[in-house]
Protein backbone atom coordinates (compact mmCIF):
# COMPACT_ATOMS: atom_id res chain seq x y z
CA MET A 1 0.00 0.00 0.00
CA LYS A 2 1.43 3.36 -1.07
CA ILE A 3 0.33 6.71 0.30
CA THR A 4 0.58 9.99 -1.59
CA PHE A 5 -0.22 13.04 0.50
CA VAL A 6 -2.41 15.64 -1.20
CA ASN A 7 -3.00 18.32 1.47
CA HIS A 8 -4.59 18.89 4.87
CA ALA A 9 -6.91 15.85 5.31
CA SER A 10 -6.47 14.44 1.81
CA PHE A 11 -4.27 11.58 0.67
CA ILE A 12 -4.31 8.90 -1.99
CA ILE A 13 -4.19 5.19 -1.21
CA GLU A 14 -2.70 3.15 -4.03
CA TYR A 15 -3.12 -0.61 -3.89
CA GLY A 16 -3.16 -2.78 -6.99
CA ALA A 17 -5.43 -1.14 -9.54
CA VAL A 18 -7.09 1.09 -6.94
CA ARG A 19 -6.23 4.77 -6.50
CA LEU A 20 -8.56 6.05 -3.80
CA ILE A 21 -8.43 9.67 -2.66
CA CYS A 22 -9.79 10.81 0.70
CA ASP A 23 -11.40 14.23 1.28
CA PRO A 24 -9.88 16.26 -1.56
CA TRP A 25 -9.78 19.97 -0.60
CA MET A 26 -7.14 21.29 -2.99
CA GLU A 27 -7.53 25.06 -3.12
CA GLY A 28 -9.53 28.06 -1.99
CA THR A 29 -10.86 28.90 1.44
CA ALA A 30 -13.25 26.98 3.69
CA PHE A 31 -15.74 27.82 6.42
CA ASP A 32 -16.97 31.15 5.10
CA ASN A 33 -13.49 32.47 4.26
CA GLY A 34 -12.21 31.42 7.67
CA TRP A 35 -9.59 28.81 6.76
CA ALA A 36 -6.90 28.65 4.10
CA LEU A 37 -4.47 25.85 3.32
CA LEU A 38 -1.08 26.22 4.95
CA SER A 39 0.81 24.84 1.94
CA ARG A 40 0.22 24.72 -1.80
CA THR A 41 -1.32 21.57 -3.27
CA ARG A 42 0.75 19.85 -5.94
CA LEU A 43 -1.96 17.49 -7.20
CA GLN A 44 -3.73 18.91 -10.26
CA TYR A 45 -7.28 18.26 -11.47
CA GLU A 46 -5.77 16.56 -14.51
CA ASP A 47 -4.31 13.97 -12.11
CA PHE A 48 -7.82 12.69 -11.37
CA LYS A 49 -7.59 10.74 -14.62
CA ASP A 50 -5.99 7.95 -12.56
CA ILE A 51 -8.32 8.15 -9.53
CA THR A 52 -10.76 5.24 -9.18
CA HIS A 53 -12.55 6.16 -5.92
CA ILE A 54 -13.22 9.17 -3.66
CA TRP A 55 -14.14 8.73 -0.02
CA PHE A 56 -15.63 11.66 1.90
CA SER A 57 -15.58 11.55 5.68
CA HIS A 58 -18.24 14.23 6.21
CA GLU A 59 -19.74 17.37 4.70
CA HIS A 60 -17.42 20.00 6.17
CA PRO A 61 -15.90 22.03 3.32
CA ASP A 62 -12.31 21.12 4.20
CA HIS A 63 -13.29 17.50 3.44
CA PHE A 64 -16.17 17.77 0.97
CA ALA A 65 -15.40 20.76 -1.27
CA PRO A 66 -17.92 21.09 -4.12
CA PRO A 67 -16.10 23.99 -5.87
CA ASN A 68 -13.04 21.74 -6.18
CA LEU A 69 -15.04 18.69 -7.26
CA LEU A 70 -16.65 20.65 -10.08
CA LYS A 71 -13.19 21.34 -11.52
CA ILE A 72 -12.51 17.64 -12.05
CA PRO A 73 -13.00 17.10 -15.79
CA LEU A 74 -16.33 15.42 -16.53
CA GLU A 75 -14.71 12.57 -18.42
CA TYR A 76 -12.75 11.66 -15.27
CA ARG A 77 -15.76 12.05 -12.96
CA LYS A 78 -17.60 9.49 -15.04
CA ARG A 79 -14.90 6.93 -14.12
CA ILE A 80 -14.81 7.63 -10.35
CA THR A 81 -16.87 5.80 -7.71
CA VAL A 82 -17.86 7.92 -4.68
CA LEU A 83 -17.93 6.32 -1.24
CA PHE A 84 -19.79 7.94 1.67
CA GLN A 85 -21.47 6.94 4.90
CA GLU A 86 -25.15 6.02 4.80
CA THR A 87 -27.18 9.12 5.68
CA THR A 88 -30.81 10.14 6.02
CA ASP A 89 -30.68 13.15 3.73
CA ARG A 90 -28.49 11.53 1.00
CA LYS A 91 -27.30 15.01 -0.02
CA VAL A 92 -23.70 14.04 -0.78
CA ALA A 93 -24.77 11.08 -2.88
CA GLY A 94 -27.33 13.25 -4.66
CA PHE A 95 -24.78 15.96 -5.43
CA CYS A 96 -22.28 13.45 -6.81
CA LYS A 97 -24.92 11.77 -8.92
CA LYS A 98 -25.91 15.13 -10.39
CA GLN A 99 -22.25 15.80 -11.23
CA GLU A 100 -22.15 12.47 -13.10
CA PHE A 101 -19.68 10.57 -10.96
CA LYS A 102 -19.69 6.94 -12.03
CA GLU A 103 -21.39 5.52 -8.94
CA GLN A 104 -22.38 6.61 -5.43
CA VAL A 105 -22.02 3.90 -2.80
CA GLU A 106 -23.44 4.62 0.65
CA LEU A 107 -21.56 2.46 3.11
CA LYS A 108 -23.42 0.68 5.89
CA LYS A 109 -21.75 0.83 9.30
CA ASP A 110 -19.83 -2.14 10.68
CA THR A 111 -19.53 -3.55 7.17
CA TYR A 112 -16.45 -4.01 4.98
CA TYR A 113 -16.83 -3.16 1.31
CA ALA A 114 -14.44 -4.37 -1.39
CA VAL A 115 -13.00 -1.49 -3.40
CA GLY A 116 -10.60 -3.64 -5.39
CA SER A 117 -8.77 -6.92 -5.33
CA GLY A 118 -7.49 -7.32 -1.79
CA LEU A 119 -8.51 -3.86 -0.46
CA GLU A 120 -11.57 -3.23 1.73
CA ILE A 121 -13.08 -0.17 3.36
CA ARG A 122 -15.27 0.06 6.42
CA CYS A 123 -16.90 3.42 7.13
CA ASP A 124 -18.67 3.99 10.45
CA PRO A 125 -20.61 7.13 11.41
CA TYR A 126 -19.37 8.96 14.48
CA THR A 127 -20.78 12.13 16.05
CA ASP A 128 -22.01 15.40 14.50
CA GLY A 129 -22.18 13.93 11.00
CA ASP A 130 -18.57 12.74 10.98
CA SER A 131 -17.29 9.26 10.14
CA TYR A 132 -14.03 7.31 10.13
CA ALA A 133 -12.71 4.81 7.62
CA VAL A 134 -10.76 1.59 8.06
CA PHE A 135 -8.78 0.45 5.01
CA ARG A 136 -7.76 -3.21 5.24
CA THR A 137 -5.66 -5.61 3.20
CA ALA A 138 -4.54 -9.12 4.09
CA THR A 139 -1.44 -7.69 5.78
CA HIS A 140 -2.19 -4.10 6.85
CA THR A 141 -4.90 -1.97 8.47
CA LEU A 142 -5.01 1.81 8.10
CA LEU A 143 -7.39 3.99 10.11
CA ASN A 144 -8.37 7.44 8.84
CA LEU A 145 -9.80 9.10 11.94
CA ASN A 146 -9.97 12.60 10.39
CA ASP A 147 -12.03 14.85 12.73
CA CYS A 148 -13.63 12.16 14.90
CA VAL A 149 -13.30 13.20 18.53
CA VAL A 150 -11.63 10.26 20.28
CA ASP A 151 -10.40 12.14 23.33
CA THR A 152 -10.77 9.74 26.27
CA ALA A 153 -9.55 6.30 27.22
CA GLU A 154 -13.14 5.08 27.16
CA LYS A 155 -13.73 6.23 23.58
CA ALA A 156 -10.37 4.94 22.39
CA SER A 157 -10.99 1.59 24.05
CA ARG A 158 -14.44 1.31 22.49
CA LEU A 159 -13.03 2.10 19.05
CA ALA A 160 -10.23 -0.44 19.42
CA HIS A 161 -12.73 -3.07 20.55
CA SER A 162 -14.80 -2.36 17.43
CA ILE A 163 -12.11 -2.32 14.75
CA GLY A 164 -9.09 -3.96 16.41
CA LYS A 165 -5.49 -2.79 16.32
CA VAL A 166 -4.23 -0.79 13.36
CA ASP A 167 -0.87 -0.49 11.63
CA VAL A 168 -1.21 3.14 10.54
CA LEU A 169 -3.21 5.88 12.26
CA PHE A 170 -4.06 9.12 10.45
CA THR A 171 -5.20 11.60 13.11
CA GLN A 172 -5.86 15.31 13.58
CA PHE A 173 -3.29 17.27 15.61
CA GLY A 174 -4.68 20.81 15.95
CA TYR A 175 -7.76 22.51 17.29
CA ALA A 176 -10.45 23.03 14.65
CA ASN A 177 -12.88 25.46 16.25
CA LYS A 178 -12.96 28.61 18.36
CA VAL A 179 -10.83 28.57 21.49
CA GLY A 180 -11.05 31.72 23.61
CA ASN A 181 -11.18 35.35 22.62
CA THR A 182 -8.40 37.35 20.99
CA ASN A 183 -6.08 37.55 24.00
CA ASP A 184 -6.72 34.04 25.37
CA VAL A 185 -3.49 32.51 24.02
CA ASP A 186 -3.10 30.35 27.14
CA LEU A 187 -6.45 28.67 26.39
CA ARG A 188 -5.28 27.83 22.89
CA LEU A 189 -1.98 26.48 24.14
CA ALA A 190 -3.92 24.28 26.56
CA ALA A 191 -6.20 23.13 23.73
CA SER A 192 -3.15 22.28 21.62
CA LYS A 193 -1.71 20.22 24.45
CA GLU A 194 -5.05 18.43 24.83
CA LYS A 195 -4.90 17.48 21.14
CA LEU A 196 -1.61 15.71 21.77
CA GLU A 197 -3.12 13.90 24.74
CA ARG A 198 -5.85 12.63 22.43
CA ILE A 199 -3.17 11.07 20.25
CA ARG A 200 -1.71 9.47 23.38
CA GLN A 201 -5.05 7.82 24.18
CA GLN A 202 -5.58 6.72 20.60
CA THR A 203 -2.16 5.11 20.28
CA ALA A 204 -2.43 3.44 23.69
CA PHE A 205 -5.47 1.42 22.61
CA LEU A 206 -5.11 1.15 18.82
CA GLU A 207 -1.36 0.39 19.04
CA PRO A 208 -0.39 1.68 15.58
CA LYS A 209 3.14 1.15 14.33
CA ALA A 210 3.06 4.56 12.63
CA VAL A 211 1.17 7.79 13.33
CA VAL A 212 0.48 10.25 10.51
CA PRO A 213 -0.52 13.69 11.83
CA PHE A 214 -2.82 15.43 9.35
CA ALA A 215 -6.14 17.30 8.96
CA SER A 216 -4.71 20.40 10.65
CA PHE A 217 -2.54 21.95 7.94
CA ILE A 218 -4.49 25.22 7.79
CA HIS A 219 -4.30 28.75 9.08
CA PHE A 220 -7.05 31.16 10.11
CA CYS A 221 -7.03 33.67 7.29
CA HIS A 222 -9.54 36.45 8.06
CA THR A 223 -9.02 39.71 9.95
CA GLU A 224 -11.73 38.51 12.34
CA ASN A 225 -10.03 35.23 13.27
CA ALA A 226 -6.27 35.55 12.69
CA TYR A 227 -5.85 35.66 16.47
CA MET A 228 -6.50 31.90 16.43
CA ASN A 229 -3.11 31.21 14.83
CA LYS A 230 -1.33 32.08 18.09
CA GLY A 231 -1.23 28.93 20.17
CA ALA A 232 -1.75 26.35 17.41
CA ASN A 233 0.36 23.17 17.37
CA ARG A 234 3.33 23.15 15.03
CA ILE A 235 4.22 19.95 13.25
CA ASP A 236 7.78 19.84 14.63
CA ALA A 237 6.40 19.73 18.17
CA VAL A 238 3.91 17.02 17.16
CA ASP A 239 6.72 14.93 15.66
CA THR A 240 8.78 15.25 18.84
CA PHE A 241 5.79 14.24 20.98
CA VAL A 242 4.91 11.18 18.89
CA GLN A 243 8.46 9.90 18.60
CA GLN A 244 9.90 10.74 22.00
CA GLU A 245 6.89 10.53 24.33
CA LEU A 246 4.86 7.85 22.59
CA GLY A 247 7.73 5.91 21.04
CA LYS A 248 5.94 5.66 17.69
CA GLN A 249 7.11 6.27 14.16
CA CYS A 250 5.84 9.70 13.09
CA VAL A 251 5.22 10.04 9.38
CA VAL A 252 5.04 13.70 8.36
CA LEU A 253 4.01 14.12 4.74
CA TYR A 254 4.19 17.36 2.74
CA PRO A 255 1.90 17.83 -0.31
CA GLY A 256 3.17 15.51 -3.05
CA ASP A 257 5.18 13.24 -0.71
CA THR A 258 4.78 9.48 -1.07
CA TRP A 259 5.34 6.73 1.49
CA SER A 260 5.06 2.96 1.35
CA ILE A 261 3.59 1.82 4.65
CA GLU A 262 5.95 -1.13 4.77
CA GLY A 263 8.98 1.15 4.60
CA PRO A 264 10.88 3.67 6.75
CA HIS A 265 10.26 7.41 6.68
CA ASP A 266 12.39 10.43 7.52
CA PRO A 267 10.14 13.41 8.41
CA THR A 268 12.97 15.97 8.45
CA ASP A 269 12.43 17.50 5.01
CA ALA A 270 8.64 17.74 5.35
CA ILE A 271 8.96 19.35 8.79
CA GLN A 272 11.37 21.95 7.45
CA ARG A 273 9.04 22.85 4.59
CA TYR A 274 6.02 23.12 6.88
CA SER A 275 8.05 25.24 9.31
CA ARG A 276 8.82 27.67 6.50
CA ASP A 277 5.14 27.84 5.62
CA PHE A 278 4.16 28.42 9.26
CA ALA A 279 6.71 31.23 9.47
CA GLU A 280 5.13 32.95 6.46
CA VAL A 281 1.57 32.94 7.81
CA ASP A 282 1.84 36.31 9.56
CA ALA A 283 3.02 37.94 6.33
CA ARG A 284 0.09 36.67 4.25
CA SER A 285 -2.70 39.10 3.40
CA LEU A 286 -5.79 38.59 5.54
CA LEU A 287 -9.28 38.50 4.07
CA THR A 288 -11.86 41.16 4.91
CA SER A 289 -15.63 41.35 4.45
CA ASP A 290 -17.97 44.05 3.22
CA PRO A 291 -20.81 44.98 5.60
CA VAL A 292 -24.28 43.53 5.02
CA ASP A 293 -26.99 46.17 5.38
CA ILE A 294 -29.35 45.97 8.33
CA GLY A 295 -32.40 45.49 6.11
CA THR A 296 -30.89 42.34 4.63
CA LEU A 297 -29.94 41.07 8.09
CA LYS A 298 -33.51 41.58 9.32
CA LYS A 299 -35.03 39.89 6.29
CA ASN A 300 -32.71 36.88 6.49
CA GLY A 301 -32.86 36.69 10.30
CA ASP A 302 -36.66 36.56 10.26
CA ALA A 303 -36.64 33.97 7.46
CA PHE A 304 -34.10 31.87 9.40
CA VAL A 305 -36.36 31.70 12.46
CA GLN A 306 -39.37 30.82 10.34
CA THR A 307 -37.38 28.01 8.70
CA LEU A 308 -36.59 26.51 12.11
CA LEU A 309 -40.24 26.73 13.18
CA ALA A 310 -41.43 25.14 9.94
CA GLY A 311 -38.85 22.38 10.25
CA TYR A 312 -39.83 21.45 13.81
CA PRO A 313 -43.52 22.33 14.34
CA THR A 314 -43.82 20.01 17.36
CA TYR A 315 -41.05 21.96 19.09
CA ARG A 316 -42.63 25.34 18.38
CA ASN A 317 -42.83 26.37 22.04
CA LYS A 318 -39.23 25.34 22.67
CA ILE A 319 -37.99 27.36 19.70
CA HIS A 320 -40.17 30.31 20.71
CA ALA A 321 -38.33 30.34 24.04
CA LEU A 322 -34.91 30.76 22.40
CA GLY A 323 -33.36 34.20 22.54
CA ALA A 324 -29.95 35.86 22.15
CA LEU A 325 -28.45 39.37 22.20
CA ILE A 326 -26.08 40.20 19.35
CA HIS A 327 -23.53 42.97 18.86
CA VAL A 328 -22.89 43.59 15.16
CA THR A 329 -19.42 45.11 15.15
CA ASP A 330 -19.27 46.80 11.75
CA HIS A 331 -22.61 48.58 12.32
CA GLY A 332 -21.96 49.28 16.00
CA ASN A 333 -25.54 48.26 16.82
CA THR A 334 -27.03 45.65 19.11
CA PHE A 335 -29.92 43.36 18.23
CA SER A 336 -32.05 40.55 19.64
CA LEU A 337 -32.71 37.26 17.92
CA SER A 338 -35.87 35.61 19.18
CA GLY A 339 -37.42 32.28 18.29
CA LYS A 340 -40.77 34.04 18.45
CA GLU A 341 -40.16 37.55 17.09
CA GLY A 342 -37.17 37.11 14.77
CA PHE A 343 -34.37 39.66 14.39
CA ARG A 344 -34.91 43.10 15.96
CA GLU A 345 -32.87 46.13 16.97
CA HIS A 346 -32.41 46.07 20.72
CA SER A 347 -30.36 48.73 22.48
CA VAL A 348 -28.20 47.20 25.23
CA ASP A 349 -24.61 47.46 26.41
CA PRO A 350 -22.49 45.44 23.91
CA LYS A 351 -20.66 43.89 26.85
CA THR A 352 -23.87 42.12 27.88
CA CYS A 353 -24.50 40.60 24.45
CA ASP A 354 -24.12 36.86 23.92
CA VAL A 355 -22.01 37.20 20.79
CA SER A 356 -20.10 39.95 18.98
CA LEU A 357 -19.43 39.55 15.26
CA GLY A 358 -19.43 41.19 11.85
CA SER A 359 -22.56 41.49 9.74
CA GLU A 360 -21.26 39.23 6.95
CA ALA A 361 -20.55 36.36 9.38
CA LEU A 362 -23.97 36.84 11.01
CA ASN A 363 -25.73 36.88 7.66
CA TYR A 364 -24.05 33.57 6.78
CA CYS A 365 -25.54 32.08 9.96
CA PHE A 366 -28.97 33.23 8.81
CA SER A 367 -28.55 32.20 5.17
CA GLN A 368 -27.25 28.63 5.62
CA LEU A 369 -28.54 25.95 7.97
CA TRP A 370 -24.94 24.98 8.65
CA GLY A 371 -23.94 28.61 9.29
CA GLY A 372 -23.84 28.25 13.07
CA ASP A 373 -21.54 25.25 12.83
CA THR A 374 -19.38 27.17 10.37
CA LEU A 375 -19.09 30.11 12.78
CA ASN A 376 -18.01 27.78 15.58
CA VAL A 377 -15.23 26.47 13.37
CA ASN A 378 -14.03 29.68 11.74
CA ALA A 379 -14.02 31.63 15.04
CA ARG A 380 -14.97 34.90 13.38
CA PHE A 381 -16.58 36.19 16.56
CA GLN A 382 -15.92 37.17 20.15
CA ILE A 383 -17.84 36.39 23.33
CA PRO A 384 -18.49 39.54 25.40
CA GLU A 385 -17.60 39.30 29.06
CA GLY A 386 -21.23 39.50 30.20
CA GLY A 387 -22.67 37.25 27.53
CA GLN A 388 -23.84 33.65 27.38
CA TYR A 389 -22.76 32.31 24.00
CA ARG A 390 -24.95 29.23 24.43
CA ASN A 391 -28.02 31.44 23.91
CA PHE A 392 -26.88 32.20 20.36
CA ARG A 393 -25.39 28.76 19.76
CA MET A 394 -28.75 27.07 20.33
CA PHE A 395 -30.13 28.60 17.14
CA GLY A 396 -27.22 27.14 15.19
CA ALA A 397 -27.60 23.77 16.88
CA VAL A 398 -31.26 23.51 15.87
CA ALA A 399 -30.41 24.58 12.32
CA SER A 400 -27.62 22.01 12.12
CA GLN A 401 -29.99 19.20 13.11
CA LEU A 402 -32.51 20.41 10.56
CA ASN A 403 -29.82 20.42 7.89
CA ARG A 404 -29.20 16.73 8.59
CA LYS A 405 -32.93 16.02 9.03
CA GLU A 406 -32.35 14.78 12.57
CA ASP A 407 -34.51 15.06 15.69
CA ILE A 408 -33.76 17.84 18.21
CA ALA A 409 -35.06 16.17 21.36
CA GLU A 410 -31.50 15.95 22.71
CA LEU A 411 -31.20 19.74 22.52
CA PHE A 412 -34.18 20.20 24.84
CA PRO A 413 -33.82 17.48 27.49
CA THR A 414 -36.45 17.08 30.16
CA THR A 415 -35.60 16.98 33.85
CA ILE A 416 -35.75 13.18 33.69
CA ASP A 417 -33.46 13.14 30.66
CA ARG A 418 -30.90 15.28 32.50
CA ALA A 419 -31.05 13.04 35.57
CA ILE A 420 -30.50 9.92 33.44
CA ALA A 421 -27.59 11.57 31.62
CA LYS A 422 -26.00 12.56 34.95
CA THR A 423 -26.34 9.00 36.27
CA LYS A 424 -24.74 7.62 33.11
CA ARG A 425 -21.81 10.00 33.48
CA ILE A 426 -21.30 8.97 37.09
CA LEU A 427 -21.44 5.29 36.21
CA GLY A 428 -19.37 5.69 33.05
CA ILE A 429 -22.14 4.36 30.81
CA GLY A 430 -22.47 5.41 27.18
CA SER A 431 -20.66 8.14 25.26
């Protein structure tokens, strides 16, 4: 089995006649202009002429990037089989069918699927729409964990019990959502350390021979979130941790690098190239956004609330009870967002608002059901000292469930539900 690294969370598995690419995000920004690739991708769209399969882990745009997929020449798309987890909404499969990919295979959990002679894939759903993939041959097992949050001994043990030990572990090494406000560097350093501890738990139970850190080769690229770059893990520190503290082979791959999983690997050159790219981040031009007028915000904010109510009519009273105070920084105004009354001007001290953000980022939350999740990831906001961000986040959480056509009962637990959940935590039962 040969691995060719593409970028960020994307790599190609080559085995026999199979050339399977995972999560190809090759260019452009992601998460509403919040993320940019740290390094330039060497793979070209013309190179998809040799690709036989694409596997997508989940719908996040740094894994499933429609603008990039549309640039694959149609004649090549017609020869590529798409693999994705089985979902209720079937949106990914539907999109790929519309773009005339050869076949769309929705993978059932706990089931191995043959992708070629001697190579199998097993794709299991995880939390929040994510999934992981196990690639297995007669002699090797590779686990692509991507963004799946395996952060405790219990979770790592459960995963190992389900899939067994692996030879190669691909795992995320950096935080991928908002951590603290602008000056909270210590919080981000602590979050970076926690990411390494996750790798410790994963390796302790899965016992891989080699660890490949990936899915974190980005930088926060907007004027509203560049503060997030201070405190992020650097790949040289990750390599030191994996090799010296965990005693595992650390395989660091730069875009275009190849590695045979049976062979040795020297990460020195890749680390040096990534270090140069990290050093250049502060000199790169940051993106900015034009203001969205208040009339448009009101129109889209009201429509957003009505969409939630229409999507969950049996939870109408619960949604009516939702409310948040918002400071829109580029207008200097404060507003209320109510599950009953929609978006309204509301004069309060900005320090007491639940969220502070620019109008373009807020409008994205109103315009897309996944907008709240996107905001959490791109960190283009601040939390005022007197605010309760959860008040605003609840709107995004309901919208996210609606986007996936899932029930929202877990977002509004009853007193009995909370008591049961507390008991389970005490007893160590469940997730």
